[in-house]
Amino acid sequence: MKKYFYFFVIIFLSILPFVSIFSTNNLPHTHDGTVHLARIAAYYKSLTDLQIPVRWAGDLNYGYGMPLFNFIYGLPYLFSSFFVFLGFGLVSSFKIVLFLSFILSGIFMFLFCKTFFNDDKKALLITILYQFSPFRLVELLVRGSFGEVYTYTFFPLVLFGLTLIFKKNSYRNFIITAVGAALLVLSHNALSLVFFVIAFCFLLYFGKSKNKIFYGLFPLVCGLLLSSFYWIPAILEHKYTHGDLYMKNIYLMHFPPIQNFFIPNLINMTSFQIEGISVQLGLFHVIIILISIWAVLFYKKIDKLTKKVIIFSLLILGISLFFMQPVSKIVWEKIALLRQFQFPWRFLAVASFATSFLGISYFCIKFLQKKFIYFLFLFLVVISTVYYWNPPLGYDRINEKDYWNFPLNTTYFGETDVIWSAGPAKSYPKGRVEVIAGDGRISSFTKKSNIQEFKIDAKTILGLVSHTQYFPGWRVYVDNKVVPIQFQDQNWRGEITFNAPKGVHNIKIVFGENKLRMISDILSLTTLFSMLLFGLFLFFKRR
C-alpha cells in the first residue's frame, strides 16, 4: 500500500478542481466548451459511419460538410466517442475526458519525476506544481481547451519513456516512448509540436552518451511515423484552406504585458487578463524561479543533476517568455507554422512545465525540507488555485439535441474553410442533391457523413449538384464507374457538380483518401505492424 501512497495523494488532490463540475448536469461555461460538444457529435457520427480515420464532418456547415478532422486534433474526440458509445451524453463525455486528462497528467508526471530523480518527495512536489499551475486550470475550466489539455498529459509520458531508456534500452521502454510521442502529436495541432521539440531537447541535453541519444531518438521518430496519418495531411493540405489568410496577424493582438506573468492573480482579476485569460505563472511558481536563480548562482553544494535541470528549465522558461513578448514579432512574421499557434500566451503551457520542473531547486534549502514545511508548501500550492475550482464563468444549461445537428462550422479563423467555397454556409439547401441541367428526377436518397447514395431517372443527360463542399478525396460513381467532378462552377461555388447519362442509374458520392493521405496512412500502419512484429520476434526469441 505504501508503494501507491503518492499516487493516491496525486489522484485525490487532482479530483478537487472537478468536484463542482460533476455536482451538476450543466456544462461549465468556457470559451470553447459548446464548440467541442458539436465536434464530439460530428466525430462520433463519422466514426459510426466507419470513416477511419475520421477526416470529414458531414453534418456541420449546414450539411455542406467540412474537412474539420483532417486538420483539427482528433484524439480527445475519439476518447469522447468511447463514452458516448457507453451511453453518456455529450456534456458528461466532455467532462469525463477533461477529468481523465488531468488525472493522467499527474500520474505520468509523477512517474517521470520519480524515475528521473529516484526520489518520491521530489517527484510529488514537482507533480503538484505541474497540476496546480494556474494556467493549467485556466485551460481546463476557463478556456475548455479540449486538445491542449492532452498535451499536458502525454508530454510527461514521453519524458518518462526517455528516462526509462536512459536507464535501460528495452522494447517495453521503446513502446512507452513511441506510443507517448504519437499520442502527444495527436493531442493538438500547435502545442504538441512545441512539446515534441522540448522532448527532443530533453533527449539531447540529458542523454549521457551517443548510444542513449540514438536509442531515445528512434522511438520519437517512430511516434512521428505512427501519427503521420494525421500530421502530414494537416500540414501539406493546409494550402487548401483559408487558415493562413485569416490567422496571419492574429498573434499581434495577443502579447501579454510581461509583468502580468509574475503578479499573482489569485482571484482572476480582469486587470491582469488578456482576452479573458489570466496569464500568471503563479505565486509559488514565481517563488520557485527565484530559488532556482539563487541556487544556480550562489549555492555551492548544488549537485550536478539539479544544476542541469535548473539550467534546462530556465532556458525553456526564457524562450517561452521571449515568444510571448512583442520583441519576438520578427520570428512570428517569418515562420508561417508558428502563426498556427494564434495566441502567443499559449507558450504559458511551456512555462508551466518549466516552472514546475524547477521545483527541484526547493530542496537546495534545508529549512524547506522539514516535513511540516514541505507539506505546508504543497498545501499552499494547491489551495492558491481554489478560485478556479468553481468555473469562473458559471454554467450553461445545454439541450444536447442542438449539438447533434449543429449547423455552424465550429471554427473561428477559417482554419478548415476550403478555398474553393464562398465561405461558410449561411443556411440549409432545399435539397441535398439537385438537378441543375436536363430533365430527370432523383429518388431513394440516403446520406451518411462520408457517403451519399440515390437513384436518377434521366430523360436527358443530367447536370447534378450535391450541396457538399468539395475537398480532395470526394469521388462520384455512376453505376460503380467514376465520373469527373467539377467544383468551380460560379453558380455552385466549391460544391460537387457532375454529369450523368440518360436512363436509370445508381449514383454514389463517396469521401475517401487521396494519394497523399493514403501514403500517410500506409506510413502509420507500416510503423505499427513493424513494431508489433518486432515485439513478437523478441517474445519468441526469449521463449
Protein backbone atom coordinates (compact mmCIF):
# COMPACT_ATOMS: atom_id res chain seq x y z
CA MET A 1 0.00 0.00 0.00
CA LYS A 2 2.87 2.36 0.82
CA LYS A 3 4.10 1.90 -2.75
CA TYR A 4 0.95 3.59 -4.09
CA PHE A 5 0.58 6.25 -1.40
CA TYR A 6 1.86 9.10 -3.58
CA PHE A 7 -0.39 8.07 -6.45
CA PHE A 8 -3.40 8.21 -4.11
CA VAL A 9 -2.34 11.68 -2.96
CA ILE A 10 -1.98 12.94 -6.54
CA ILE A 11 -5.30 11.45 -7.64
CA PHE A 12 -7.16 12.76 -4.58
CA LEU A 13 -5.80 16.30 -4.99
CA SER A 14 -6.42 16.23 -8.75
CA ILE A 15 -10.08 15.39 -8.14
CA LEU A 16 -10.67 18.57 -6.11
CA PRO A 17 -10.94 21.06 -9.03
CA PHE A 18 -13.58 18.83 -10.65
CA VAL A 19 -15.93 18.31 -7.69
CA SER A 20 -18.05 21.31 -8.64
CA ILE A 21 -18.47 20.43 -12.33
CA PHE A 22 -19.54 16.86 -11.56
CA SER A 23 -22.07 18.10 -8.99
CA THR A 24 -24.28 19.49 -11.78
CA ASN A 25 -25.64 18.27 -15.10
CA ASN A 26 -24.87 21.64 -16.67
CA LEU A 27 -21.85 22.44 -18.80
CA PRO A 28 -19.14 24.70 -17.36
CA HIS A 29 -19.24 27.90 -19.40
CA THR A 30 -15.85 28.04 -21.10
CA HIS A 31 -14.55 29.80 -24.19
CA ASP A 32 -14.70 26.67 -26.36
CA GLY A 33 -16.95 24.22 -24.49
CA THR A 34 -20.02 24.30 -26.73
CA VAL A 35 -17.84 24.07 -29.84
CA HIS A 36 -16.41 20.81 -28.54
CA LEU A 37 -19.88 19.35 -27.95
CA ALA A 38 -20.69 19.83 -31.64
CA ARG A 39 -17.36 18.32 -32.64
CA ILE A 40 -17.83 15.30 -30.36
CA ALA A 41 -21.20 14.64 -32.02
CA ALA A 42 -19.75 15.10 -35.52
CA TYR A 43 -16.77 12.85 -34.77
CA TYR A 44 -18.95 10.14 -33.24
CA LYS A 45 -21.29 10.09 -36.24
CA SER A 46 -18.33 9.90 -38.63
CA LEU A 47 -16.83 7.07 -36.60
CA THR A 48 -20.07 5.09 -36.58
CA ASP A 49 -20.19 5.56 -40.37
CA LEU A 50 -16.87 3.63 -40.36
CA GLN A 51 -14.94 6.64 -41.58
CA ILE A 52 -11.47 5.59 -40.42
CA PRO A 53 -9.50 7.70 -39.91
CA VAL A 54 -12.13 10.38 -39.34
CA ARG A 55 -11.46 13.42 -41.52
CA TRP A 56 -14.80 14.73 -42.78
CA ALA A 57 -17.54 16.24 -40.59
CA GLY A 58 -20.55 15.69 -42.85
CA ASP A 59 -23.32 17.41 -40.89
CA LEU A 60 -21.51 20.61 -39.90
CA ASN A 61 -21.58 23.78 -42.02
CA TYR A 62 -25.34 23.40 -42.65
CA GLY A 63 -24.77 19.91 -44.01
CA TYR A 64 -22.30 21.08 -46.66
CA GLY A 65 -19.65 19.39 -44.54
CA MET A 66 -16.02 20.32 -43.96
CA PRO A 67 -12.63 18.57 -43.60
CA LEU A 68 -12.54 19.50 -39.92
CA PHE A 69 -10.76 16.44 -38.55
CA ASN A 70 -8.21 16.46 -41.35
CA PHE A 71 -6.74 19.49 -39.59
CA ILE A 72 -8.14 19.51 -36.05
CA TYR A 73 -6.71 17.07 -33.48
CA GLY A 74 -8.96 14.01 -33.16
CA LEU A 75 -7.67 12.24 -30.06
CA PRO A 76 -9.92 13.85 -27.38
CA TYR A 77 -12.93 13.35 -29.66
CA LEU A 78 -12.00 9.69 -30.06
CA PHE A 79 -11.91 9.32 -26.26
CA SER A 80 -15.24 11.16 -26.01
CA SER A 81 -16.79 8.85 -28.60
CA PHE A 82 -16.00 5.90 -26.38
CA PHE A 83 -18.05 7.40 -23.55
CA VAL A 84 -20.86 8.40 -25.92
CA PHE A 85 -20.90 4.77 -27.11
CA LEU A 86 -21.24 3.67 -23.47
CA GLY A 87 -24.35 5.82 -23.16
CA PHE A 88 -23.05 9.07 -21.68
CA GLY A 89 -24.30 12.36 -23.08
CA LEU A 90 -22.19 14.96 -24.83
CA VAL A 91 -21.81 17.11 -21.71
CA SER A 92 -20.89 14.18 -19.47
CA SER A 93 -18.41 12.84 -22.03
CA PHE A 94 -16.79 16.27 -22.30
CA LYS A 95 -16.41 16.50 -18.52
CA ILE A 96 -15.08 12.95 -18.16
CA VAL A 97 -12.48 13.39 -20.89
CA LEU A 98 -11.27 16.68 -19.35
CA PHE A 99 -11.09 14.97 -15.97
CA LEU A 100 -9.13 11.99 -17.32
CA SER A 101 -6.60 14.31 -18.96
CA PHE A 102 -5.90 15.95 -15.60
CA ILE A 103 -5.67 12.73 -13.59
CA LEU A 104 -3.42 11.03 -16.14
CA SER A 105 -1.15 14.07 -16.44
CA GLY A 106 -0.49 13.87 -12.69
CA ILE A 107 0.22 10.14 -12.81
CA PHE A 108 2.56 10.41 -15.80
CA MET A 109 4.36 13.44 -14.36
CA PHE A 110 4.95 11.63 -11.08
CA LEU A 111 6.22 8.51 -12.90
CA PHE A 112 8.61 10.63 -14.92
CA CYS A 113 10.00 12.59 -11.97
CA LYS A 114 10.19 9.55 -9.70
CA THR A 115 12.21 7.70 -12.35
CA PHE A 116 14.33 10.72 -13.24
CA PHE A 117 15.24 11.80 -9.68
CA ASN A 118 14.73 8.44 -7.95
CA ASP A 119 13.04 10.33 -5.11
CA ASP A 120 9.32 10.28 -4.23
CA LYS A 121 9.28 13.59 -2.35
CA LYS A 122 10.92 15.47 -5.20
CA ALA A 123 8.58 13.82 -7.68
CA LEU A 124 5.50 14.71 -5.62
CA LEU A 125 6.46 18.37 -5.28
CA ILE A 126 7.13 18.81 -9.00
CA THR A 127 3.91 16.98 -9.87
CA ILE A 128 1.79 19.19 -7.58
CA LEU A 129 3.42 22.30 -9.05
CA TYR A 130 2.60 20.92 -12.51
CA GLN A 131 -1.00 20.01 -11.69
CA PHE A 132 -1.77 23.26 -9.90
CA SER A 133 -0.05 25.68 -12.21
CA PRO A 134 -2.78 28.35 -12.53
CA PHE A 135 -2.70 28.37 -16.32
CA ARG A 136 -3.47 24.65 -16.41
CA LEU A 137 -6.71 25.25 -14.52
CA VAL A 138 -7.46 28.17 -16.82
CA GLU A 139 -7.03 25.79 -19.77
CA LEU A 140 -9.44 23.32 -18.18
CA LEU A 141 -12.16 25.45 -16.60
CA VAL A 142 -11.94 28.84 -18.33
CA ARG A 143 -10.86 28.02 -21.88
CA GLY A 144 -12.22 24.46 -22.03
CA SER A 145 -9.30 23.66 -24.29
CA PHE A 146 -10.04 20.07 -25.22
CA GLY A 147 -6.90 19.30 -27.19
CA GLU A 148 -4.30 21.31 -25.33
CA VAL A 149 -5.08 19.61 -22.02
CA TYR A 150 -3.97 16.29 -23.51
CA THR A 151 -0.57 17.69 -24.49
CA TYR A 152 -0.04 18.21 -20.75
CA THR A 153 -0.99 14.55 -20.32
CA PHE A 154 1.24 12.86 -22.88
CA PHE A 155 4.29 15.13 -22.73
CA PRO A 156 5.40 13.74 -19.33
CA LEU A 157 4.67 10.23 -20.64
CA VAL A 158 7.22 10.83 -23.41
CA LEU A 159 9.75 12.13 -20.86
CA PHE A 160 9.04 9.08 -18.68
CA GLY A 161 9.78 6.79 -21.62
CA LEU A 162 13.00 8.62 -22.48
CA THR A 163 14.14 8.44 -18.86
CA LEU A 164 13.50 4.70 -18.82
CA ILE A 165 15.59 4.37 -21.99
CA PHE A 166 18.41 6.29 -20.29
CA LYS A 167 18.39 3.61 -17.61
CA LYS A 168 17.78 0.58 -19.81
CA ASN A 169 17.20 0.18 -23.52
CA SER A 170 14.35 -2.32 -23.81
CA TYR A 171 11.37 -2.99 -26.08
CA ARG A 172 8.96 -2.03 -23.28
CA ASN A 173 10.64 1.36 -22.82
CA PHE A 174 10.74 1.87 -26.57
CA ILE A 175 6.98 1.23 -26.82
CA ILE A 176 6.17 3.62 -23.96
CA THR A 177 8.16 6.40 -25.65
CA ALA A 178 6.91 5.78 -29.20
CA VAL A 179 3.23 5.48 -28.20
CA GLY A 180 3.55 8.51 -25.90
CA ALA A 181 5.09 10.55 -28.73
CA ALA A 182 2.32 9.52 -31.15
CA LEU A 183 -0.42 10.39 -28.64
CA LEU A 184 1.27 13.73 -27.96
CA VAL A 185 1.25 14.63 -31.66
CA LEU A 186 -2.41 13.62 -31.98
CA SER A 187 -3.42 15.77 -28.99
CA HIS A 188 -3.20 19.23 -30.52
CA ASN A 189 -2.09 20.99 -33.70
CA ALA A 190 0.46 23.52 -32.48
CA LEU A 191 1.19 22.89 -28.80
CA SER A 192 2.09 19.24 -29.40
CA LEU A 193 4.78 20.36 -31.85
CA VAL A 194 6.37 22.62 -29.24
CA PHE A 195 6.30 19.93 -26.55
CA PHE A 196 7.74 17.44 -29.04
CA VAL A 197 10.65 19.80 -29.70
CA ILE A 198 11.20 20.15 -25.93
CA ALA A 199 11.21 16.35 -25.58
CA PHE A 200 13.87 16.20 -28.31
CA CYS A 201 15.93 18.87 -26.49
CA PHE A 202 15.49 16.90 -23.25
CA LEU A 203 16.92 13.85 -25.00
CA LEU A 204 19.95 15.76 -26.33
CA TYR A 205 20.59 17.56 -23.04
CA PHE A 206 20.20 14.67 -20.60
CA GLY A 207 21.27 11.76 -22.80
CA LYS A 208 24.57 10.64 -21.31
CA SER A 209 26.03 9.10 -24.48
CA LYS A 210 25.53 8.97 -28.22
CA ASN A 211 24.04 5.50 -27.85
CA LYS A 212 21.45 6.70 -25.33
CA ILE A 213 20.56 9.62 -27.58
CA PHE A 214 20.18 7.30 -30.58
CA TYR A 215 18.07 4.81 -28.64
CA GLY A 216 15.86 7.69 -27.45
CA LEU A 217 15.64 9.29 -30.89
CA PHE A 218 14.43 6.09 -32.56
CA PRO A 219 11.09 5.83 -30.66
CA LEU A 220 10.50 9.57 -31.13
CA VAL A 221 10.80 9.08 -34.88
CA CYS A 222 8.52 6.03 -34.65
CA GLY A 223 6.00 8.16 -32.76
CA LEU A 224 6.05 10.68 -35.60
CA LEU A 225 5.55 7.90 -38.13
CA LEU A 226 2.70 6.35 -36.11
CA SER A 227 0.89 9.69 -36.16
CA SER A 228 1.82 10.57 -39.76
CA PHE A 229 -1.73 9.79 -40.94
CA TYR A 230 -2.73 12.99 -39.14
CA TRP A 231 0.10 15.49 -39.24
CA ILE A 232 1.31 15.01 -42.84
CA PRO A 233 -2.09 15.84 -44.43
CA ALA A 234 -2.71 18.55 -41.80
CA ILE A 235 0.47 20.34 -42.89
CA LEU A 236 0.55 19.64 -46.62
CA GLU A 237 -3.17 20.15 -47.28
CA HIS A 238 -3.37 23.32 -45.22
CA LYS A 239 -2.89 25.20 -48.51
CA TYR A 240 -6.46 24.21 -49.44
CA THR A 241 -7.90 26.26 -46.57
CA HIS A 242 -8.17 29.94 -45.66
CA GLY A 243 -6.24 29.36 -42.42
CA ASP A 244 -3.15 31.37 -43.39
CA LEU A 245 -5.23 34.24 -44.72
CA TYR A 246 -7.41 34.70 -41.63
CA MET A 247 -4.85 33.78 -38.98
CA LYS A 248 -1.95 35.73 -40.46
CA ASN A 249 -1.96 38.63 -37.99
CA ILE A 250 -3.95 37.29 -35.03
CA TYR A 251 -0.83 36.90 -32.89
CA LEU A 252 -0.22 40.68 -32.97
CA MET A 253 -3.13 41.31 -30.59
CA HIS A 254 -2.22 38.68 -28.01
CA PHE A 255 1.14 39.63 -26.48
CA PRO A 256 0.58 39.92 -22.70
CA PRO A 257 2.41 42.57 -20.63
CA ILE A 258 5.42 40.78 -19.16
CA GLN A 259 4.71 41.92 -15.60
CA ASN A 260 1.39 40.05 -15.66
CA PHE A 261 3.24 36.73 -15.63
CA PHE A 262 4.80 37.49 -12.28
CA ILE A 263 1.91 39.20 -10.47
CA PRO A 264 -0.22 36.62 -8.60
CA ASN A 265 -3.83 36.72 -9.74
CA LEU A 266 -5.42 34.54 -7.07
CA ILE A 267 -8.96 35.80 -7.71
CA ASN A 268 -8.77 36.16 -11.51
CA MET A 269 -8.85 39.96 -11.63
CA THR A 270 -9.70 41.24 -15.11
CA SER A 271 -6.91 43.85 -14.98
CA PHE A 272 -4.38 41.00 -15.17
CA GLN A 273 -6.11 39.20 -18.02
CA ILE A 274 -5.76 39.32 -21.77
CA GLU A 275 -8.87 38.39 -23.78
CA GLY A 276 -10.36 36.89 -20.61
CA ILE A 277 -7.26 34.76 -19.95
CA SER A 278 -5.28 35.06 -16.72
CA VAL A 279 -1.64 34.88 -17.81
CA GLN A 280 0.08 34.46 -14.46
CA LEU A 281 2.81 31.95 -13.73
CA GLY A 282 1.52 31.55 -10.20
CA LEU A 283 2.70 32.86 -6.82
CA PHE A 284 4.57 29.73 -5.77
CA HIS A 285 5.98 29.15 -9.24
CA VAL A 286 7.49 32.64 -9.12
CA ILE A 287 8.99 31.81 -5.72
CA ILE A 288 10.45 28.64 -7.23
CA ILE A 289 12.02 30.68 -10.05
CA LEU A 290 13.70 32.96 -7.51
CA ILE A 291 15.00 29.98 -5.50
CA SER A 292 16.32 28.41 -8.72
CA ILE A 293 18.24 31.52 -9.75
CA TRP A 294 19.71 31.79 -6.26
CA ALA A 295 20.64 28.09 -6.22
CA VAL A 296 22.40 28.04 -9.57
CA LEU A 297 24.30 31.27 -8.86
CA PHE A 298 25.17 31.04 -5.18
CA TYR A 299 24.51 27.59 -3.73
CA LYS A 300 27.89 25.88 -3.71
CA LYS A 301 26.65 22.44 -2.66
CA ILE A 302 24.27 22.05 -5.58
CA ASP A 303 24.58 18.60 -7.20
CA LYS A 304 25.27 18.18 -10.91
CA LEU A 305 21.82 16.84 -11.88
CA THR A 306 19.94 19.58 -10.03
CA LYS A 307 22.08 22.23 -11.69
CA LYS A 308 21.46 20.72 -15.13
CA VAL A 309 17.71 20.62 -14.52
CA ILE A 310 17.65 24.24 -13.36
CA ILE A 311 19.65 25.47 -16.36
CA PHE A 312 17.49 23.45 -18.77
CA SER A 313 14.25 24.72 -17.22
CA LEU A 314 15.37 28.35 -17.04
CA LEU A 315 16.34 28.22 -20.72
CA ILE A 316 12.91 26.84 -21.65
CA LEU A 317 11.20 29.43 -19.46
CA GLY A 318 13.25 32.24 -21.02
CA ILE A 319 12.45 31.11 -24.56
CA SER A 320 8.74 30.80 -23.79
CA LEU A 321 8.69 34.31 -22.28
CA PHE A 322 10.50 35.59 -25.38
CA PHE A 323 7.83 34.20 -27.70
CA MET A 324 5.11 35.80 -25.57
CA GLN A 325 6.57 39.30 -25.99
CA PRO A 326 6.43 41.80 -28.90
CA VAL A 327 10.21 41.55 -29.27
CA SER A 328 9.61 38.17 -30.97
CA LYS A 329 7.38 39.65 -33.70
CA ILE A 330 10.01 39.17 -36.39
CA VAL A 331 10.08 35.42 -35.66
CA TRP A 332 6.29 35.18 -35.81
CA GLU A 333 6.34 37.06 -39.12
CA LYS A 334 8.92 34.76 -40.71
CA ILE A 335 7.62 31.35 -39.59
CA ALA A 336 4.18 30.51 -41.01
CA LEU A 337 3.89 27.34 -38.90
CA LEU A 338 4.38 29.38 -35.73
CA ARG A 339 1.40 31.55 -36.65
CA GLN A 340 -0.82 28.49 -36.34
CA PHE A 341 -0.25 28.99 -32.60
CA GLN A 342 -2.60 32.01 -32.95
CA PHE A 343 -2.03 33.31 -29.39
CA PRO A 344 1.48 33.97 -28.03
CA TRP A 345 0.23 33.42 -24.47
CA ARG A 346 -0.20 29.73 -25.36
CA PHE A 347 3.51 29.40 -24.57
CA LEU A 348 2.41 29.60 -20.94
CA ALA A 349 1.90 25.85 -21.29
CA VAL A 350 5.67 25.52 -21.76
CA ALA A 351 6.30 27.93 -18.88
CA SER A 352 4.03 25.82 -16.66
CA PHE A 353 6.20 22.77 -17.25
CA ALA A 354 9.45 24.71 -16.87
CA THR A 355 8.49 26.36 -13.57
CA SER A 356 7.24 23.01 -12.23
CA PHE A 357 10.45 21.20 -13.20
CA LEU A 358 12.35 23.99 -11.44
CA GLY A 359 10.70 22.70 -8.26
CA ILE A 360 13.82 20.57 -7.74
CA SER A 361 15.56 23.73 -6.52
CA TYR A 362 13.23 23.73 -3.47
CA PHE A 363 15.43 21.00 -1.97
CA CYS A 364 18.52 23.22 -2.08
CA ILE A 365 17.25 24.97 1.08
CA LYS A 366 17.49 22.71 4.11
CA PHE A 367 14.89 24.60 6.11
CA LEU A 368 12.27 23.89 3.41
CA GLN A 369 12.98 20.16 3.58
CA LYS A 370 11.47 19.85 7.05
CA LYS A 371 8.42 17.60 6.88
CA PHE A 372 5.97 20.19 8.18
CA ILE A 373 7.26 22.95 5.90
CA TYR A 374 7.29 20.61 2.88
CA PHE A 375 3.65 19.57 3.31
CA LEU A 376 2.62 23.14 4.14
CA PHE A 377 4.18 24.27 0.87
CA LEU A 378 2.28 21.59 -1.04
CA PHE A 379 -0.95 22.60 0.68
CA LEU A 380 -0.42 26.28 -0.20
CA VAL A 381 0.34 25.49 -3.85
CA VAL A 382 -2.93 23.56 -4.10
CA ILE A 383 -5.09 26.00 -2.13
CA SER A 384 -3.75 29.03 -4.04
CA THR A 385 -5.76 27.90 -7.08
CA VAL A 386 -9.05 27.32 -5.25
CA TYR A 387 -10.72 30.24 -7.05
CA TYR A 388 -10.60 28.29 -10.31
CA TRP A 389 -12.15 25.13 -8.90
CA ASN A 390 -15.63 26.51 -9.47
CA PRO A 391 -15.75 27.56 -13.16
CA PRO A 392 -15.30 31.35 -13.02
CA LEU A 393 -17.71 31.91 -15.94
CA GLY A 394 -20.52 29.84 -14.45
CA TYR A 395 -22.57 27.11 -16.14
CA ASP A 396 -24.75 26.67 -19.22
CA ARG A 397 -27.93 24.61 -19.43
CA ILE A 398 -27.49 22.54 -22.58
CA ASN A 399 -30.02 20.97 -24.92
CA GLU A 400 -27.83 18.27 -26.45
CA LYS A 401 -30.14 17.82 -29.46
CA ASP A 402 -28.90 21.19 -30.72
CA TYR A 403 -25.35 19.83 -30.91
CA TRP A 404 -26.19 16.52 -32.56
CA ASN A 405 -27.41 18.57 -35.55
CA PHE A 406 -25.17 21.61 -35.27
CA PRO A 407 -25.38 23.89 -38.33
CA LEU A 408 -22.22 26.01 -37.92
CA ASN A 409 -18.61 25.13 -38.71
CA THR A 410 -17.14 25.24 -35.14
CA THR A 411 -14.01 27.18 -36.19
CA TYR A 412 -13.09 30.80 -35.60
CA PHE A 413 -10.40 31.78 -38.09
CA GLY A 414 -11.13 29.88 -41.29
CA GLU A 415 -8.79 27.06 -40.30
CA THR A 416 -10.79 24.49 -42.27
CA ASP A 417 -12.77 26.66 -44.71
CA VAL A 418 -11.76 25.39 -48.15
CA ILE A 419 -10.51 27.88 -50.71
CA TRP A 420 -12.96 26.87 -53.45
CA SER A 421 -16.07 27.75 -51.46
CA ALA A 422 -17.68 31.14 -50.98
CA GLY A 423 -17.12 30.84 -47.25
CA PRO A 424 -19.15 29.16 -44.51
CA ALA A 425 -22.71 28.25 -45.48
CA LYS A 426 -25.49 30.52 -44.25
CA SER A 427 -28.46 28.14 -44.40
CA TYR A 428 -29.53 24.62 -45.31
CA PRO A 429 -30.17 23.94 -49.02
CA LYS A 430 -33.70 22.99 -50.13
CA GLY A 431 -32.42 19.54 -51.10
CA ARG A 432 -29.12 17.82 -50.58
CA VAL A 433 -28.89 16.91 -54.29
CA GLU A 434 -30.48 18.83 -57.19
CA VAL A 435 -30.85 18.59 -60.95
CA ILE A 436 -29.31 21.74 -62.44
CA ALA A 437 -29.45 20.83 -66.14
CA GLY A 438 -31.56 18.44 -68.20
CA ASP A 439 -34.78 16.58 -67.47
CA GLY A 440 -34.90 13.90 -64.78
CA ARG A 441 -35.76 13.10 -61.19
CA ILE A 442 -33.94 11.95 -58.05
CA SER A 443 -35.20 9.26 -55.67
CA SER A 444 -34.15 7.00 -52.77
CA PHE A 445 -31.64 9.49 -51.38
CA THR A 446 -29.64 8.38 -48.29
CA LYS A 447 -26.77 10.16 -46.60
CA LYS A 448 -24.00 9.33 -44.15
CA SER A 449 -21.15 11.60 -43.11
CA ASN A 450 -18.97 10.38 -45.99
CA ILE A 451 -21.39 8.68 -48.41
CA GLN A 452 -24.45 9.84 -50.39
CA GLU A 453 -26.47 7.39 -52.46
CA PHE A 454 -29.51 7.93 -54.70
CA LYS A 455 -31.13 6.91 -57.96
CA ILE A 456 -31.86 9.03 -61.02
CA ASP A 457 -34.35 8.57 -63.84
CA ALA A 458 -32.93 10.82 -66.57
CA LYS A 459 -34.83 11.57 -69.76
CA THR A 460 -31.79 13.54 -70.99
CA ILE A 461 -28.18 13.93 -69.93
CA LEU A 462 -28.35 15.47 -66.44
CA GLY A 463 -26.23 18.02 -64.66
CA LEU A 464 -26.38 17.48 -60.91
CA VAL A 465 -25.09 19.27 -57.85
CA SER A 466 -24.52 17.78 -54.43
CA HIS A 467 -24.67 20.58 -51.92
CA THR A 468 -21.47 19.28 -50.38
CA GLN A 469 -18.26 21.24 -50.05
CA TYR A 470 -15.57 19.79 -52.31
CA PHE A 471 -12.27 18.64 -50.89
CA PRO A 472 -9.71 16.26 -52.41
CA GLY A 473 -10.91 12.72 -51.77
CA TRP A 474 -14.51 13.13 -52.95
CA ARG A 475 -15.45 10.81 -55.83
CA VAL A 476 -18.67 10.30 -57.78
CA TYR A 477 -19.69 6.88 -59.11
CA VAL A 478 -22.41 6.31 -61.69
CA ASP A 479 -23.27 2.61 -61.69
CA ASN A 480 -19.96 1.97 -59.88
CA LYS A 481 -17.92 3.83 -62.52
CA VAL A 482 -16.03 7.00 -61.58
CA VAL A 483 -17.15 10.17 -63.39
CA PRO A 484 -15.40 13.57 -63.43
CA ILE A 485 -16.23 16.12 -60.74
CA GLN A 486 -16.38 19.88 -61.17
CA PHE A 487 -16.25 22.19 -58.17
CA GLN A 488 -15.58 25.66 -59.60
CA ASP A 489 -18.92 26.44 -61.21
CA GLN A 490 -19.67 30.06 -60.30
CA ASN A 491 -23.31 29.20 -59.65
CA TRP A 492 -22.36 26.41 -57.22
CA ARG A 493 -19.03 27.62 -55.98
CA GLY A 494 -16.98 24.96 -54.21
CA GLU A 495 -19.81 22.39 -54.45
CA ILE A 496 -19.66 19.00 -56.14
CA THR A 497 -21.18 19.12 -59.63
CA PHE A 498 -21.14 16.34 -62.26
CA ASN A 499 -22.98 14.95 -65.26
CA ALA A 500 -24.93 11.69 -65.53
CA PRO A 501 -26.10 9.96 -68.73
CA LYS A 502 -29.67 9.39 -69.86
CA GLY A 503 -31.51 6.48 -68.27
CA VAL A 504 -31.97 4.95 -64.82
CA HIS A 505 -28.73 4.92 -62.78
CA ASN A 506 -27.43 4.42 -59.26
CA ILE A 507 -25.31 7.33 -58.02
CA LYS A 508 -22.82 7.14 -55.18
CA ILE A 509 -20.81 10.09 -53.85
CA VAL A 510 -18.02 8.96 -51.54
CA PHE A 511 -15.35 10.71 -49.50
CA GLY A 512 -12.14 8.70 -49.17
CA GLU A 513 -8.38 9.03 -49.10
CA ASN A 514 -6.42 10.77 -51.84
CA LYS A 515 -2.86 9.79 -52.75
CA LEU A 516 -1.20 11.94 -50.07
CA ARG A 517 -3.44 10.71 -47.27
CA MET A 518 -3.13 7.11 -48.45
CA ILE A 519 0.67 7.34 -48.27
CA SER A 520 0.37 8.85 -44.77
CA ASP A 521 -1.95 6.03 -43.68
CA ILE A 522 0.45 3.42 -45.05
CA LEU A 523 3.35 5.02 -43.16
CA SER A 524 1.38 4.81 -39.90
CA LEU A 525 0.20 1.25 -40.47
CA THR A 526 3.62 0.04 -41.62
CA THR A 527 5.21 1.51 -38.49
CA LEU A 528 2.55 -0.06 -36.26
CA PHE A 529 2.91 -3.53 -37.80
CA SER A 530 6.71 -3.29 -37.75
CA MET A 531 6.64 -2.52 -34.03
CA LEU A 532 4.24 -5.40 -33.36
CA LEU A 533 6.27 -7.86 -35.45
CA PHE A 534 9.48 -6.83 -33.72
CA GLY A 535 7.77 -7.37 -30.36
CA LEU A 536 6.64 -10.85 -31.43
CA PHE A 537 10.14 -11.63 -32.65
CA LEU A 538 11.59 -10.68 -29.25
CA PHE A 539 8.91 -12.70 -27.44
CA PHE A 540 9.59 -15.91 -29.36
CA LYS A 541 13.33 -15.34 -29.17
CA ARG A 542 13.10 -15.33 -25.37
CA ARG A 543 10.92 -18.45 -25.41
